[in-house]
Amino acid sequence: MITILSGGTGTPKLIQGIKRIHDQKKIKVVVNTLENDYFSGVYIAADIDTVMYTFADMINDETWYGIKNDTFITNEELNRLNSPELLRIGDKDRAIKIQKTQLLKTHSLTEVVDIQRKSLNIKAKIIPMSDEKSQIKIVTDIGELKFHQFLIKEKSEPKVEDVVFDNVKPSKEVIPSIEKSDMVVIGPSNPITSILPIISMKDVKKALEKAYVVAISPIIGNNPVSGPTGKFMKALGYEVSPYGVASMYSNFLNKFIIDKEDVELKMKIERIVKDVEIANTKMTSMNIKEELARLVLNT
């Protein structure tokens, strides 16, 4: 059994490789929920849906958001009616989000996700990190912004001064999943806004210290693979490099995988993480994703 800690972009790429070589019934994924919010009247759990669509082979892997070959009739009509959406939501994607919104009236988020993943014939277990309402705020030189305002409306351009997120309780399945796993995989998601909220919850670090933990760097050199990771790390005082990522996880990390372009950092990182592996972490093809998955799982 493996448990994967995930955000919504880098880690789902790795999941594509892992699910080709590992029994889905023996995979659990704990997914960040701090970016969840209501948009256009529906509940958006973007990272959860991305992981769900990845397992169901539905993901739009050009944008890593939404469903491939979706239509946007509702979105276009809202624009025509001068009610533009902050998030561009496809029609099939919207149907799943509408169902989620309705189910949340009588079920916890964990229960809702379980209902939906079963309806999509997903064998892996997808676990929201928390069932509590929460949010993450980006403190910038133009003021305090909600995450999606910063990311989409402001296009990640403002200078980031701080990243603040709610301290929430883990959902009931998070700790047992980590404790019962043969391996915990921290995927190459944004370490500040995707992974740090998960590992900061009560008792999660304690559980990770007793587990075998493997992480993949989301940074090559000093360049994040995607998104404003560098801005967030710098704002919280971390070096924007694979070493900076390793330092965040060093108290519980057993193996760290860095890109072949960062081979010169191997000895430096080995001062804080005993086992450092070199690989091609640019997941530009399915073969590379599978090769990386095999290195992660040591198969």
C-alpha atoms as a PDB file:
ATOM      1  CA  MET A   1       0.000   0.000   0.000  1.00  0.00           C
ATOM      2  CA  ILE A   2       1.294   3.476  -0.847  1.00  0.00           C
ATOM      3  CA  THR A   3      -0.019   6.878   0.136  1.00  0.00           C
ATOM      4  CA  ILE A   4       0.666   9.882  -2.086  1.00  0.00           C
ATOM      5  CA  LEU A   5       0.496  13.490  -0.878  1.00  0.00           C
ATOM      6  CA  SER A   6      -0.728  15.617  -3.761  1.00  0.00           C
ATOM      7  CA  GLY A   7      -1.598  19.016  -5.111  1.00  0.00           C
ATOM      8  CA  GLY A   8      -3.084  19.570  -8.531  1.00  0.00           C
ATOM      9  CA  THR A   9      -0.382  19.643 -11.213  1.00  0.00           C
ATOM     10  CA  GLY A  10       3.025  18.025 -10.707  1.00  0.00           C
ATOM     11  CA  THR A  11       1.876  15.059  -8.648  1.00  0.00           C
ATOM     12  CA  PRO A  12      -0.959  14.003 -10.989  1.00  0.00           C
ATOM     13  CA  LYS A  13       1.668  13.700 -13.744  1.00  0.00           C
ATOM     14  CA  LEU A  14       3.540  11.265 -11.504  1.00  0.00           C
ATOM     15  CA  ILE A  15       0.282   9.467 -10.715  1.00  0.00           C
ATOM     16  CA  GLN A  16      -0.125   8.778 -14.433  1.00  0.00           C
ATOM     17  CA  GLY A  17       3.125   6.809 -14.284  1.00  0.00           C
ATOM     18  CA  ILE A  18       2.420   5.126 -10.952  1.00  0.00           C
ATOM     19  CA  LYS A  19      -0.998   3.815 -11.952  1.00  0.00           C
ATOM     20  CA  ARG A  20       0.557   2.057 -14.950  1.00  0.00           C
ATOM     21  CA  ILE A  21       2.791  -0.074 -12.729  1.00  0.00           C
ATOM     22  CA  HIS A  22       0.985  -0.292  -9.386  1.00  0.00           C
ATOM     23  CA  ASP A  23      -2.390  -1.785  -8.462  1.00  0.00           C
ATOM     24  CA  GLN A  24      -4.831   1.118  -8.045  1.00  0.00           C
ATOM     25  CA  LYS A  25      -6.531  -0.696  -5.187  1.00  0.00           C
ATOM     26  CA  LYS A  26      -3.269  -0.304  -3.258  1.00  0.00           C
ATOM     27  CA  ILE A  27      -2.988   3.457  -3.812  1.00  0.00           C
ATOM     28  CA  LYS A  28      -4.303   6.186  -1.537  1.00  0.00           C
ATOM     29  CA  VAL A  29      -3.924   9.880  -2.333  1.00  0.00           C
ATOM     30  CA  VAL A  30      -4.239  12.619   0.283  1.00  0.00           C
ATOM     31  CA  VAL A  31      -5.089  15.816  -1.568  1.00  0.00           C
ATOM     32  CA  ASN A  32      -4.750  19.464  -0.599  1.00  0.00           C
ATOM     33  CA  THR A  33      -8.067  21.240   0.092  1.00  0.00           C
ATOM     34  CA  LEU A  34      -6.982  24.738   1.130  1.00  0.00           C
ATOM     35  CA  GLU A  35      -7.661  26.156  -2.323  1.00  0.00           C
ATOM     36  CA  ASN A  36     -11.264  24.910  -2.335  1.00  0.00           C
ATOM     37  CA  ASP A  37     -13.957  27.583  -2.603  1.00  0.00           C
ATOM     38  CA  TYR A  38     -17.256  28.482  -4.249  1.00  0.00           C
ATOM     39  CA  PHE A  39     -17.218  29.962  -7.756  1.00  0.00           C
ATOM     40  CA  SER A  40     -20.233  30.598  -9.988  1.00  0.00           C
ATOM     41  CA  GLY A  41     -22.432  28.974  -7.355  1.00  0.00           C
ATOM     42  CA  VAL A  42     -20.603  25.643  -7.321  1.00  0.00           C
ATOM     43  CA  TYR A  43     -18.023  24.147  -4.982  1.00  0.00           C
ATOM     44  CA  ILE A  44     -14.617  23.958  -6.612  1.00  0.00           C
ATOM     45  CA  ALA A  45     -12.112  21.407  -5.289  1.00  0.00           C
ATOM     46  CA  ALA A  46      -9.642  21.803  -8.133  1.00  0.00           C
ATOM     47  CA  ASP A  47      -6.825  19.613  -6.829  1.00  0.00           C
ATOM     48  CA  ILE A  48      -9.179  16.803  -5.847  1.00  0.00           C
ATOM     49  CA  ASP A  49     -10.893  16.864  -9.232  1.00  0.00           C
ATOM     50  CA  THR A  50      -7.563  16.883 -11.066  1.00  0.00           C
ATOM     51  CA  VAL A  51      -6.446  13.786  -9.159  1.00  0.00           C
ATOM     52  CA  MET A  52      -9.834  12.158  -9.740  1.00  0.00           C
ATOM     53  CA  TYR A  53      -9.809  12.907 -13.471  1.00  0.00           C
ATOM     54  CA  THR A  54      -6.230  11.626 -13.718  1.00  0.00           C
ATOM     55  CA  PHE A  55      -7.204   8.233 -12.327  1.00  0.00           C
ATOM     56  CA  ALA A  56     -10.277   8.150 -14.594  1.00  0.00           C
ATOM     57  CA  ASP A  57      -8.171   9.027 -17.682  1.00  0.00           C
ATOM     58  CA  MET A  58     -10.353  12.122 -18.181  1.00  0.00           C
ATOM     59  CA  ILE A  59      -7.884  14.863 -17.314  1.00  0.00           C
ATOM     60  CA  ASN A  60      -7.147  17.683 -19.726  1.00  0.00           C
ATOM     61  CA  ASP A  61      -3.392  17.181 -19.606  1.00  0.00           C
ATOM     62  CA  GLU A  62      -2.705  20.325 -21.591  1.00  0.00           C
ATOM     63  CA  THR A  63      -3.989  22.561 -18.785  1.00  0.00           C
ATOM     64  CA  TRP A  64      -4.042  20.067 -15.862  1.00  0.00           C
ATOM     65  CA  TYR A  65      -7.439  21.445 -15.008  1.00  0.00           C
ATOM     66  CA  GLY A  66     -10.835  20.151 -16.113  1.00  0.00           C
ATOM     67  CA  ILE A  67     -11.876  17.366 -18.466  1.00  0.00           C
ATOM     68  CA  LYS A  68     -10.335  16.697 -21.868  1.00  0.00           C
ATOM     69  CA  ASN A  69     -12.490  17.536 -24.904  1.00  0.00           C
ATOM     70  CA  ASP A  70     -15.008  19.334 -22.684  1.00  0.00           C
ATOM     71  CA  THR A  71     -17.352  21.995 -24.072  1.00  0.00           C
ATOM     72  CA  PHE A  72     -17.852  25.468 -22.599  1.00  0.00           C
ATOM     73  CA  ILE A  73     -21.412  26.368 -23.602  1.00  0.00           C
ATOM     74  CA  THR A  74     -22.442  27.540 -20.118  1.00  0.00           C
ATOM     75  CA  ASN A  75     -19.230  29.501 -19.636  1.00  0.00           C
ATOM     76  CA  GLU A  76     -19.646  31.242 -22.989  1.00  0.00           C
ATOM     77  CA  GLU A  77     -23.282  32.096 -22.270  1.00  0.00           C
ATOM     78  CA  LEU A  78     -22.328  33.597 -18.893  1.00  0.00           C
ATOM     79  CA  ASN A  79     -19.758  35.743 -20.670  1.00  0.00           C
ATOM     80  CA  ARG A  80     -22.414  36.849 -23.171  1.00  0.00           C
ATOM     81  CA  LEU A  81     -24.648  37.807 -20.254  1.00  0.00           C
ATOM     82  CA  ASN A  82     -21.844  39.932 -18.779  1.00  0.00           C
ATOM     83  CA  SER A  83     -21.319  37.485 -15.895  1.00  0.00           C
ATOM     84  CA  PRO A  84     -17.790  36.272 -16.606  1.00  0.00           C
ATOM     85  CA  GLU A  85     -16.344  33.509 -14.446  1.00  0.00           C
ATOM     86  CA  LEU A  86     -13.039  33.844 -12.620  1.00  0.00           C
ATOM     87  CA  LEU A  87     -12.509  30.154 -13.351  1.00  0.00           C
ATOM     88  CA  ARG A  88     -13.373  28.855 -16.827  1.00  0.00           C
ATOM     89  CA  ILE A  89     -15.434  25.754 -16.096  1.00  0.00           C
ATOM     90  CA  GLY A  90     -16.303  23.182 -18.750  1.00  0.00           C
ATOM     91  CA  ASP A  91     -19.781  21.692 -19.023  1.00  0.00           C
ATOM     92  CA  LYS A  92     -18.944  18.093 -18.005  1.00  0.00           C
ATOM     93  CA  ASP A  93     -16.642  19.399 -15.303  1.00  0.00           C
ATOM     94  CA  ARG A  94     -19.413  21.696 -14.073  1.00  0.00           C
ATOM     95  CA  ALA A  95     -21.819  18.746 -13.783  1.00  0.00           C
ATOM     96  CA  ILE A  96     -19.433  16.972 -11.408  1.00  0.00           C
ATOM     97  CA  LYS A  97     -18.961  20.175  -9.426  1.00  0.00           C
ATOM     98  CA  ILE A  98     -22.738  20.707  -9.223  1.00  0.00           C
ATOM     99  CA  GLN A  99     -23.151  17.175  -7.878  1.00  0.00           C
ATOM    100  CA  LYS A 100     -20.398  17.809  -5.354  1.00  0.00           C
ATOM    101  CA  THR A 101     -22.130  21.026  -4.232  1.00  0.00           C
ATOM    102  CA  GLN A 102     -25.424  19.222  -3.773  1.00  0.00           C
ATOM    103  CA  LEU A 103     -23.921  16.255  -1.917  1.00  0.00           C
ATOM    104  CA  LEU A 104     -22.061  18.549   0.486  1.00  0.00           C
ATOM    105  CA  LYS A 105     -25.419  19.577   1.955  1.00  0.00           C
ATOM    106  CA  THR A 106     -25.743  16.148   3.551  1.00  0.00           C
ATOM    107  CA  HIS A 107     -22.276  14.571   3.383  1.00  0.00           C
ATOM    108  CA  SER A 108     -18.717  15.399   4.405  1.00  0.00           C
ATOM    109  CA  LEU A 109     -16.226  16.211   1.662  1.00  0.00           C
ATOM    110  CA  THR A 110     -14.526  12.849   2.255  1.00  0.00           C
ATOM    111  CA  GLU A 111     -17.832  11.057   1.712  1.00  0.00           C
ATOM    112  CA  VAL A 112     -18.609  13.128  -1.385  1.00  0.00           C
ATOM    113  CA  VAL A 113     -15.258  12.379  -3.007  1.00  0.00           C
ATOM    114  CA  ASP A 114     -15.711   8.674  -2.262  1.00  0.00           C
ATOM    115  CA  ILE A 115     -19.131   8.701  -3.936  1.00  0.00           C
ATOM    116  CA  GLN A 116     -17.766  10.458  -6.998  1.00  0.00           C
ATOM    117  CA  ARG A 117     -14.618   8.367  -7.425  1.00  0.00           C
ATOM    118  CA  LYS A 118     -16.741   5.202  -7.264  1.00  0.00           C
ATOM    119  CA  SER A 119     -19.129   6.597  -9.891  1.00  0.00           C
ATOM    120  CA  LEU A 120     -16.090   7.133 -12.133  1.00  0.00           C
ATOM    121  CA  ASN A 121     -14.928   3.545 -11.482  1.00  0.00           C
ATOM    122  CA  ILE A 122     -11.748   4.675  -9.739  1.00  0.00           C
ATOM    123  CA  LYS A 123     -10.225   1.920  -7.617  1.00  0.00           C
ATOM    124  CA  ALA A 124      -7.683   4.136  -5.831  1.00  0.00           C
ATOM    125  CA  LYS A 125      -8.768   5.884  -2.648  1.00  0.00           C
ATOM    126  CA  ILE A 126      -8.818   9.703  -2.874  1.00  0.00           C
ATOM    127  CA  ILE A 127      -8.787  11.420   0.517  1.00  0.00           C
ATOM    128  CA  PRO A 128      -9.348  15.160   1.071  1.00  0.00           C
ATOM    129  CA  MET A 129      -6.756  16.361   3.583  1.00  0.00           C
ATOM    130  CA  SER A 130      -9.546  17.931   5.676  1.00  0.00           C
ATOM    131  CA  ASP A 131     -13.325  18.137   5.827  1.00  0.00           C
ATOM    132  CA  GLU A 132     -13.163  21.567   7.429  1.00  0.00           C
ATOM    133  CA  LYS A 133     -13.756  24.799   5.576  1.00  0.00           C
ATOM    134  CA  SER A 134     -10.455  26.521   5.035  1.00  0.00           C
ATOM    135  CA  GLN A 135      -8.636  28.973   2.828  1.00  0.00           C
ATOM    136  CA  ILE A 136      -5.212  30.156   1.874  1.00  0.00           C
ATOM    137  CA  LYS A 137      -4.274  33.812   1.433  1.00  0.00           C
ATOM    138  CA  ILE A 138      -1.381  35.369  -0.407  1.00  0.00           C
ATOM    139  CA  VAL A 139      -0.044  38.549   1.181  1.00  0.00           C
ATOM    140  CA  THR A 140       1.344  40.738  -1.610  1.00  0.00           C
ATOM    141  CA  ASP A 141       2.585  44.249  -2.282  1.00  0.00           C
ATOM    142  CA  ILE A 142      -0.915  45.122  -3.559  1.00  0.00           C
ATOM    143  CA  GLY A 143      -2.728  43.641  -0.566  1.00  0.00           C
ATOM    144  CA  GLU A 144      -4.038  40.322   0.718  1.00  0.00           C
ATOM    145  CA  LEU A 145      -5.429  38.112  -2.044  1.00  0.00           C
ATOM    146  CA  LYS A 146      -7.292  34.836  -2.138  1.00  0.00           C
ATOM    147  CA  PHE A 147      -5.282  32.135  -3.861  1.00  0.00           C
ATOM    148  CA  HIS A 148      -7.254  32.099  -7.117  1.00  0.00           C
ATOM    149  CA  GLN A 149      -7.317  35.893  -7.269  1.00  0.00           C
ATOM    150  CA  PHE A 150      -3.531  35.875  -7.112  1.00  0.00           C
ATOM    151  CA  LEU A 151      -3.117  32.987  -9.518  1.00  0.00           C
ATOM    152  CA  ILE A 152      -5.717  33.849 -12.168  1.00  0.00           C
ATOM    153  CA  LYS A 153      -6.872  37.439 -11.875  1.00  0.00           C
ATOM    154  CA  GLU A 154      -3.436  38.849 -11.035  1.00  0.00           C
ATOM    155  CA  LYS A 155      -1.593  36.165 -13.075  1.00  0.00           C
ATOM    156  CA  SER A 156       0.819  35.542 -10.169  1.00  0.00           C
ATOM    157  CA  GLU A 157       2.505  38.879 -10.908  1.00  0.00           C
ATOM    158  CA  PRO A 158       2.416  40.708  -7.507  1.00  0.00           C
ATOM    159  CA  LYS A 159       5.383  40.419  -5.174  1.00  0.00           C
ATOM    160  CA  VAL A 160       4.628  37.815  -2.494  1.00  0.00           C
ATOM    161  CA  GLU A 161       5.365  38.851   1.084  1.00  0.00           C
ATOM    162  CA  ASP A 162       3.746  35.969   2.962  1.00  0.00           C
ATOM    163  CA  VAL A 163       1.541  32.904   2.541  1.00  0.00           C
ATOM    164  CA  VAL A 164      -1.055  32.342   5.274  1.00  0.00           C
ATOM    165  CA  PHE A 165      -3.319  29.318   5.584  1.00  0.00           C
ATOM    166  CA  ASP A 166      -5.824  28.023   8.101  1.00  0.00           C
ATOM    167  CA  ASN A 167      -4.842  25.390  10.625  1.00  0.00           C
ATOM    168  CA  VAL A 168      -7.379  22.635  10.004  1.00  0.00           C
ATOM    169  CA  LYS A 169      -7.865  19.127  11.360  1.00  0.00           C
ATOM    170  CA  PRO A 170      -6.988  16.204   9.101  1.00  0.00           C
ATOM    171  CA  SER A 171      -9.890  14.151   7.830  1.00  0.00           C
ATOM    172  CA  LYS A 172     -10.292  10.900   9.716  1.00  0.00           C
ATOM    173  CA  GLU A 173      -8.575   8.763   7.056  1.00  0.00           C
ATOM    174  CA  VAL A 174      -5.358  10.785   6.662  1.00  0.00           C
ATOM    175  CA  ILE A 175      -3.317   9.549   9.654  1.00  0.00           C
ATOM    176  CA  PRO A 176      -4.363   5.868   9.364  1.00  0.00           C
ATOM    177  CA  SER A 177      -3.525   5.945   5.653  1.00  0.00           C
ATOM    178  CA  ILE A 178       0.010   7.172   6.356  1.00  0.00           C
ATOM    179  CA  GLU A 179       0.511   4.771   9.269  1.00  0.00           C
ATOM    180  CA  LYS A 180      -0.615   1.691   7.314  1.00  0.00           C
ATOM    181  CA  SER A 181       1.347   2.423   4.137  1.00  0.00           C
ATOM    182  CA  ASP A 182       4.564   0.724   3.072  1.00  0.00           C
ATOM    183  CA  MET A 183       5.641   4.005   1.524  1.00  0.00           C
ATOM    184  CA  VAL A 184       4.519   7.639   1.487  1.00  0.00           C
ATOM    185  CA  VAL A 185       5.234   9.584  -1.701  1.00  0.00           C
ATOM    186  CA  ILE A 186       5.365  13.374  -1.643  1.00  0.00           C
ATOM    187  CA  GLY A 187       4.768  14.341  -5.238  1.00  0.00           C
ATOM    188  CA  PRO A 188       6.348  17.282  -7.096  1.00  0.00           C
ATOM    189  CA  SER A 189       3.528  19.669  -6.212  1.00  0.00           C
ATOM    190  CA  ASN A 190       3.985  23.210  -4.915  1.00  0.00           C
ATOM    191  CA  PRO A 191       5.650  22.602  -1.522  1.00  0.00           C
ATOM    192  CA  ILE A 192       4.193  25.755   0.056  1.00  0.00           C
ATOM    193  CA  THR A 193       0.555  25.834  -1.052  1.00  0.00           C
ATOM    194  CA  SER A 194      -0.037  22.125  -1.750  1.00  0.00           C
ATOM    195  CA  ILE A 195       2.190  20.021   0.524  1.00  0.00           C
ATOM    196  CA  LEU A 196       2.939  22.257   3.526  1.00  0.00           C
ATOM    197  CA  PRO A 197      -0.786  22.576   4.406  1.00  0.00           C
ATOM    198  CA  ILE A 198      -1.017  18.771   4.541  1.00  0.00           C
ATOM    199  CA  ILE A 199       2.085  18.142   6.632  1.00  0.00           C
ATOM    200  CA  SER A 200       1.263  21.045   8.971  1.00  0.00           C
ATOM    201  CA  MET A 201      -1.943  19.418  10.208  1.00  0.00           C
ATOM    202  CA  LYS A 202      -2.013  17.902  13.682  1.00  0.00           C
ATOM    203  CA  ASP A 203      -0.079  14.631  14.023  1.00  0.00           C
ATOM    204  CA  VAL A 204       0.770  14.349  10.305  1.00  0.00           C
ATOM    205  CA  LYS A 205       4.499  15.013  10.762  1.00  0.00           C
ATOM    206  CA  LYS A 206       4.545  12.564  13.659  1.00  0.00           C
ATOM    207  CA  ALA A 207       3.043   9.883  11.392  1.00  0.00           C
ATOM    208  CA  LEU A 208       5.483  10.730   8.586  1.00  0.00           C
ATOM    209  CA  GLU A 209       8.463  10.363  10.947  1.00  0.00           C
ATOM    210  CA  LYS A 210       7.455   6.723  11.455  1.00  0.00           C
ATOM    211  CA  ALA A 211       6.870   6.057   7.743  1.00  0.00           C
ATOM    212  CA  TYR A 212       9.188   5.499   4.779  1.00  0.00           C
ATOM    213  CA  VAL A 213       8.914   8.750   2.825  1.00  0.00           C
ATOM    214  CA  VAL A 214      10.074   9.501  -0.712  1.00  0.00           C
ATOM    215  CA  ALA A 215       9.784  12.968  -2.276  1.00  0.00           C
ATOM    216  CA  ILE A 216      10.391  14.344  -5.766  1.00  0.00           C
ATOM    217  CA  SER A 217      11.685  17.872  -6.185  1.00  0.00           C
ATOM    218  CA  PRO A 218       9.306  20.219  -8.028  1.00  0.00           C
ATOM    219  CA  ILE A 219      12.266  22.508  -8.737  1.00  0.00           C
ATOM    220  CA  ILE A 220      15.044  22.084 -11.282  1.00  0.00           C
ATOM    221  CA  GLY A 221      17.965  24.428 -10.585  1.00  0.00           C
ATOM    222  CA  ASN A 222      16.223  27.456  -9.168  1.00  0.00           C
ATOM    223  CA  ASN A 223      13.273  27.205 -11.531  1.00  0.00           C
ATOM    224  CA  PRO A 224       9.980  25.672 -10.396  1.00  0.00           C
ATOM    225  CA  VAL A 225       8.533  23.262 -12.952  1.00  0.00           C
ATOM    226  CA  SER A 226       5.205  25.108 -12.831  1.00  0.00           C
ATOM    227  CA  GLY A 227       3.421  27.955 -11.081  1.00  0.00           C
ATOM    228  CA  PRO A 228       4.646  30.578  -8.595  1.00  0.00           C
ATOM    229  CA  THR A 229       6.427  28.098  -6.320  1.00  0.00           C
ATOM    230  CA  GLY A 230       9.584  30.185  -6.239  1.00  0.00           C
ATOM    231  CA  LYS A 231       7.768  33.307  -5.061  1.00  0.00           C
ATOM    232  CA  PHE A 232       6.069  31.372  -2.271  1.00  0.00           C
ATOM    233  CA  MET A 233       9.252  29.653  -1.082  1.00  0.00           C
ATOM    234  CA  LYS A 234      11.217  32.899  -1.070  1.00  0.00           C
ATOM    235  CA  ALA A 235       8.447  34.649   0.912  1.00  0.00           C
ATOM    236  CA  LEU A 236       8.661  31.985   3.633  1.00  0.00           C
ATOM    237  CA  GLY A 237      12.432  32.089   3.797  1.00  0.00           C
ATOM    238  CA  TYR A 238      13.302  28.910   1.891  1.00  0.00           C
ATOM    239  CA  GLU A 239      16.044  28.679  -0.702  1.00  0.00           C
ATOM    240  CA  VAL A 240      14.451  28.341  -4.145  1.00  0.00           C
ATOM    241  CA  SER A 241      16.193  25.115  -5.098  1.00  0.00           C
ATOM    242  CA  PRO A 242      15.907  21.354  -4.600  1.00  0.00           C
ATOM    243  CA  TYR A 243      17.914  21.870  -1.397  1.00  0.00           C
ATOM    244  CA  GLY A 244      15.263  24.305  -0.155  1.00  0.00           C
ATOM    245  CA  VAL A 245      12.551  21.725  -0.802  1.00  0.00           C
ATOM    246  CA  ALA A 246      14.557  18.986   0.913  1.00  0.00           C
ATOM    247  CA  SER A 247      15.035  21.220   3.952  1.00  0.00           C
ATOM    248  CA  MET A 248      11.258  21.513   4.303  1.00  0.00           C
ATOM    249  CA  TYR A 249      10.886  17.726   4.463  1.00  0.00           C
ATOM    250  CA  SER A 250      14.221  16.713   6.022  1.00  0.00           C
ATOM    251  CA  ASN A 251      12.862  15.735   9.468  1.00  0.00           C
ATOM    252  CA  PHE A 252      10.967  12.787   8.004  1.00  0.00           C
ATOM    253  CA  LEU A 253      12.391  12.260   4.494  1.00  0.00           C
ATOM    254  CA  ASN A 254      14.109   8.951   3.646  1.00  0.00           C
ATOM    255  CA  LYS A 255      14.725   9.435  -0.075  1.00  0.00           C
ATOM    256  CA  PHE A 256      14.763  12.531  -2.248  1.00  0.00           C
ATOM    257  CA  ILE A 257      14.749  12.486  -6.049  1.00  0.00           C
ATOM    258  CA  ILE A 258      16.236  15.432  -7.934  1.00  0.00           C
ATOM    259  CA  ASP A 259      16.641  16.129 -11.630  1.00  0.00           C
ATOM    260  CA  LYS A 260      19.794  15.122 -13.481  1.00  0.00           C
ATOM    261  CA  GLU A 261      20.483  18.821 -14.090  1.00  0.00           C
ATOM    262  CA  ASP A 262      20.994  19.225 -10.321  1.00  0.00           C
ATOM    263  CA  VAL A 263      23.604  16.509  -9.871  1.00  0.00           C
ATOM    264  CA  GLU A 264      26.014  19.091  -8.382  1.00  0.00           C
ATOM    265  CA  LEU A 265      23.587  19.548  -5.451  1.00  0.00           C
ATOM    266  CA  LYS A 266      23.569  15.867  -4.532  1.00  0.00           C
ATOM    267  CA  MET A 267      26.329  16.049  -1.907  1.00  0.00           C
ATOM    268  CA  LYS A 268      24.850  19.194  -0.332  1.00  0.00           C
ATOM    269  CA  ILE A 269      21.415  17.605  -0.024  1.00  0.00           C
ATOM    270  CA  GLU A 270      22.922  14.403   1.379  1.00  0.00           C
ATOM    271  CA  ARG A 271      23.885  16.410   4.463  1.00  0.00           C
ATOM    272  CA  ILE A 272      20.203  16.542   5.397  1.00  0.00           C
ATOM    273  CA  VAL A 273      18.716  13.563   3.495  1.00  0.00           C
ATOM    274  CA  LYS A 274      20.655  10.292   3.451  1.00  0.00           C
ATOM    275  CA  ASP A 275      19.414   8.867   0.140  1.00  0.00           C
ATOM    276  CA  VAL A 276      19.430  11.223  -2.854  1.00  0.00           C
ATOM    277  CA  GLU A 277      18.643   9.839  -6.312  1.00  0.00           C
ATOM    278  CA  ILE A 278      19.180  11.416  -9.736  1.00  0.00           C
ATOM    279  CA  ALA A 279      16.553  11.108 -12.486  1.00  0.00           C
ATOM    280  CA  ASN A 280      14.838  12.833 -15.359  1.00  0.00           C
ATOM    281  CA  THR A 281      12.035  14.601 -13.494  1.00  0.00           C
ATOM    282  CA  LYS A 282      10.735  16.524 -16.523  1.00  0.00           C
ATOM    283  CA  MET A 283       7.668  14.401 -17.117  1.00  0.00           C
ATOM    284  CA  THR A 284       7.235  15.240 -20.789  1.00  0.00           C
ATOM    285  CA  SER A 285       6.158  11.779 -21.935  1.00  0.00           C
ATOM    286  CA  MET A 286       4.351   8.782 -20.501  1.00  0.00           C
ATOM    287  CA  ASN A 287       7.524   6.689 -20.703  1.00  0.00           C
ATOM    288  CA  ILE A 288       9.416   9.219 -18.559  1.00  0.00           C
ATOM    289  CA  LYS A 289       6.532   9.313 -16.074  1.00  0.00           C
ATOM    290  CA  GLU A 290       6.634   5.527 -15.803  1.00  0.00           C
ATOM    291  CA  GLU A 291      10.436   5.469 -15.420  1.00  0.00           C
ATOM    292  CA  LEU A 292      10.223   8.033 -12.621  1.00  0.00           C
ATOM    293  CA  ALA A 293       7.408   6.065 -10.984  1.00  0.00           C
ATOM    294  CA  ARG A 294       9.571   2.927 -11.040  1.00  0.00           C
ATOM    295  CA  LEU A 295      12.424   4.790  -9.351  1.00  0.00           C
ATOM    296  CA  VAL A 296      10.048   6.200  -6.729  1.00  0.00           C
ATOM    297  CA  LEU A 297       8.547   2.795  -5.954  1.00  0.00           C
ATOM    298  CA  ASN A 298      11.883   0.993  -6.429  1.00  0.00           C
ATOM    299  CA  THR A 299      10.391  -1.533  -8.865  1.00  0.00           C
END
